[in-house]
Amino acid sequence: MSVAGSLLTLVFSRAYVGLFGIVAIALGTMKLFDLYRDRNLRETMPVGRVGLESNARTAAVVLVTVANGADNIGVYMPTFAIHTGYEIGEFAVVFPAMTGLRCIFAHWLIRHRALGAPIRRYSLRVISLVLIGIGVLIMFETCSFGLLLQIAHKIGLPA
């Protein structure tokens, strides 16, 4: 889907397609707000409701999995849109190999005696910031910020 969506650059300017970087920024921002909200919920949640808490965790895993699919489309589509066909082919070869290595390394790292606990504690915050950074990078590389300023000026917003 991401590669197909990147074909939009054949019809639209790269700056317009780069506006999809807003999706990655929005997803990262939403994840940060969710972390903040969940922290407040955990502080007020009654103790001893293991069954409900377990169901909530299962639901959270399902929602995160679905949201991760949206992350992939929202991030990779504009990323592919700003690269050549040759570069996309490189991604198609390198991505599966690196994903496997990353999974093996992550499995080892998360179970590490000293590093595992802090990583589990802060990883969602870091992932949120990475998504925001990817969105900003996409918009910067496609000159979408200039386009946003032009649009704001046209509709009368102060720039």
Protein backbone atom coordinates (compact mmCIF):
# COMPACT_ATOMS: atom_id res chain seq x y z
CA MET A 1 0.00 0.00 0.00
CA SER A 2 2.80 2.37 0.85
CA VAL A 3 4.57 1.90 -2.48
CA ALA A 4 1.27 2.27 -4.35
CA GLY A 5 0.50 5.44 -2.41
CA SER A 6 3.92 6.79 -3.29
CA LEU A 7 2.81 6.81 -6.93
CA LEU A 8 0.79 9.89 -6.00
CA THR A 9 3.94 11.85 -6.78
CA LEU A 10 3.31 11.15 -10.45
CA VAL A 11 0.11 13.19 -10.18
CA PHE A 12 0.80 15.63 -7.35
CA SER A 13 3.78 17.76 -6.38
CA ARG A 14 6.18 16.26 -3.84
CA ALA A 15 5.28 19.09 -1.46
CA TYR A 16 1.63 18.01 -1.45
CA VAL A 17 2.51 14.35 -0.93
CA GLY A 18 4.92 15.41 1.81
CA LEU A 19 1.94 16.75 3.74
CA PHE A 20 1.32 13.11 4.67
CA GLY A 21 4.19 13.68 7.11
CA ILE A 22 1.50 15.33 9.23
CA VAL A 23 0.08 11.81 9.74
CA ALA A 24 3.31 10.61 11.37
CA ILE A 25 3.47 13.76 13.50
CA ALA A 26 -0.16 13.31 14.56
CA LEU A 27 0.35 9.61 15.39
CA GLY A 28 3.42 10.37 17.51
CA THR A 29 1.62 13.21 19.27
CA MET A 30 -1.42 11.02 19.93
CA LYS A 31 0.81 8.31 21.39
CA LEU A 32 2.40 10.87 23.74
CA PHE A 33 -1.05 12.05 24.86
CA ASP A 34 -2.14 8.42 25.32
CA LEU A 35 0.90 7.79 27.51
CA TYR A 36 0.09 10.84 29.60
CA ARG A 37 -3.58 9.85 29.89
CA ASP A 38 -2.73 6.21 30.70
CA ARG A 39 -0.34 7.36 33.41
CA ASN A 40 -3.16 9.30 35.06
CA LEU A 41 -5.49 6.29 34.73
CA ARG A 42 -2.95 3.93 36.32
CA GLU A 43 -2.58 6.28 39.28
CA THR A 44 -6.36 6.25 39.92
CA MET A 45 -7.08 2.59 39.00
CA PRO A 46 -8.18 0.45 41.97
CA VAL A 47 -5.82 -2.34 43.01
CA GLY A 48 -6.93 -5.98 42.90
CA ARG A 49 -8.91 -5.98 39.64
CA VAL A 50 -6.61 -8.34 37.83
CA GLY A 51 -9.25 -9.72 35.41
CA LEU A 52 -10.26 -6.29 34.16
CA GLU A 53 -6.66 -5.12 34.01
CA SER A 54 -5.71 -8.19 31.97
CA ASN A 55 -8.57 -7.57 29.53
CA ALA A 56 -7.53 -3.93 29.25
CA ARG A 57 -3.98 -4.98 28.44
CA THR A 58 -5.21 -7.38 25.77
CA ALA A 59 -7.36 -4.65 24.25
CA ALA A 60 -4.40 -2.26 24.36
CA VAL A 61 -2.20 -4.77 22.51
CA VAL A 62 -4.87 -5.18 19.83
CA LEU A 63 -5.28 -1.42 19.45
CA VAL A 64 -1.54 -0.82 19.31
CA THR A 65 -1.21 -3.52 16.64
CA VAL A 66 -3.92 -1.89 14.52
CA ALA A 67 -2.43 1.56 15.12
CA ASN A 68 1.00 0.25 14.11
CA GLY A 69 -0.44 -0.69 10.73
CA ALA A 70 -1.64 2.90 10.36
CA ASP A 71 1.82 4.07 11.40
CA ASN A 72 3.40 2.01 8.65
CA ILE A 73 1.11 3.38 5.95
CA GLY A 74 1.31 6.92 7.31
CA VAL A 75 5.10 6.89 7.54
CA TYR A 76 6.24 4.68 4.67
CA MET A 77 3.94 6.06 1.97
CA PRO A 78 5.45 9.55 2.03
CA THR A 79 8.91 8.08 2.63
CA PHE A 80 8.61 6.00 -0.55
CA ALA A 81 7.16 9.00 -2.38
CA ILE A 82 10.35 11.00 -1.96
CA HIS A 83 12.72 8.23 -3.14
CA THR A 84 13.54 6.78 -6.54
CA GLY A 85 12.44 3.36 -7.77
CA TYR A 86 15.97 2.05 -7.27
CA GLU A 87 15.98 3.25 -3.65
CA ILE A 88 12.58 1.63 -3.04
CA GLY A 89 14.03 -1.63 -4.40
CA GLU A 90 16.89 -1.31 -1.94
CA PHE A 91 14.36 -0.85 0.85
CA ALA A 92 12.56 -4.03 -0.28
CA VAL A 93 15.78 -6.05 0.04
CA VAL A 94 17.29 -4.47 3.15
CA PHE A 95 14.08 -4.03 5.18
CA PRO A 96 13.27 -7.75 5.80
CA ALA A 97 16.87 -8.60 6.67
CA MET A 98 17.23 -5.67 9.04
CA THR A 99 13.82 -6.37 10.59
CA GLY A 100 14.91 -9.91 11.46
CA LEU A 101 18.18 -8.69 12.97
CA ARG A 102 16.37 -5.94 14.85
CA CYS A 103 13.88 -8.43 16.33
CA ILE A 104 16.69 -10.73 17.52
CA PHE A 105 18.58 -7.80 19.04
CA ALA A 106 15.43 -6.34 20.65
CA HIS A 107 14.54 -9.70 22.19
CA TRP A 108 18.00 -9.94 23.71
CA LEU A 109 18.04 -6.30 24.83
CA ILE A 110 14.61 -6.24 26.47
CA ARG A 111 15.57 -9.26 28.57
CA HIS A 112 18.95 -7.81 29.53
CA ARG A 113 19.34 -7.78 33.29
CA ALA A 114 20.39 -4.12 33.62
CA LEU A 115 18.98 -2.47 30.49
CA GLY A 116 15.62 -4.23 30.11
CA ALA A 117 13.64 -2.33 32.77
CA PRO A 118 14.58 1.22 31.67
CA ILE A 119 14.00 0.34 28.04
CA ARG A 120 10.54 -1.00 28.79
CA ARG A 121 9.79 2.13 30.82
CA TYR A 122 10.83 4.71 28.21
CA SER A 123 10.45 2.97 24.84
CA LEU A 124 6.94 4.24 24.06
CA ARG A 125 8.04 7.83 24.66
CA VAL A 126 11.02 7.38 22.36
CA ILE A 127 8.89 5.76 19.64
CA SER A 128 6.47 8.69 19.81
CA LEU A 129 9.30 11.17 19.38
CA VAL A 130 10.76 9.14 16.50
CA LEU A 131 7.40 9.22 14.67
CA ILE A 132 7.22 12.99 15.14
CA GLY A 133 10.81 13.30 13.89
CA ILE A 134 10.08 11.19 10.80
CA GLY A 135 7.05 13.35 10.00
CA VAL A 136 9.08 16.55 10.34
CA LEU A 137 11.89 15.09 8.19
CA ILE A 138 9.44 14.06 5.46
CA MET A 139 7.87 17.50 5.43
CA PHE A 140 11.28 19.18 5.42
CA GLU A 141 12.66 17.05 2.57
CA THR A 142 9.58 17.69 0.41
CA CYS A 143 9.40 21.43 1.20
CA SER A 144 5.91 20.93 2.64
CA PHE A 145 6.45 23.52 5.37
CA GLY A 146 6.67 26.21 2.70
CA LEU A 147 3.48 24.87 1.17
CA LEU A 148 1.77 25.03 4.57
CA LEU A 149 2.83 28.67 4.94
CA GLN A 150 1.42 29.44 1.49
CA ILE A 151 -1.87 27.75 2.35
CA ALA A 152 -2.05 29.58 5.70
CA HIS A 153 -1.42 32.87 3.95
CA LYS A 154 -4.12 32.16 1.35
CA ILE A 155 -6.75 31.42 3.97
CA GLY A 156 -5.76 34.46 6.04
CA LEU A 157 -3.96 32.83 8.97
CA PRO A 158 -1.02 34.76 10.39
CA ALA A 159 2.27 33.24 9.25
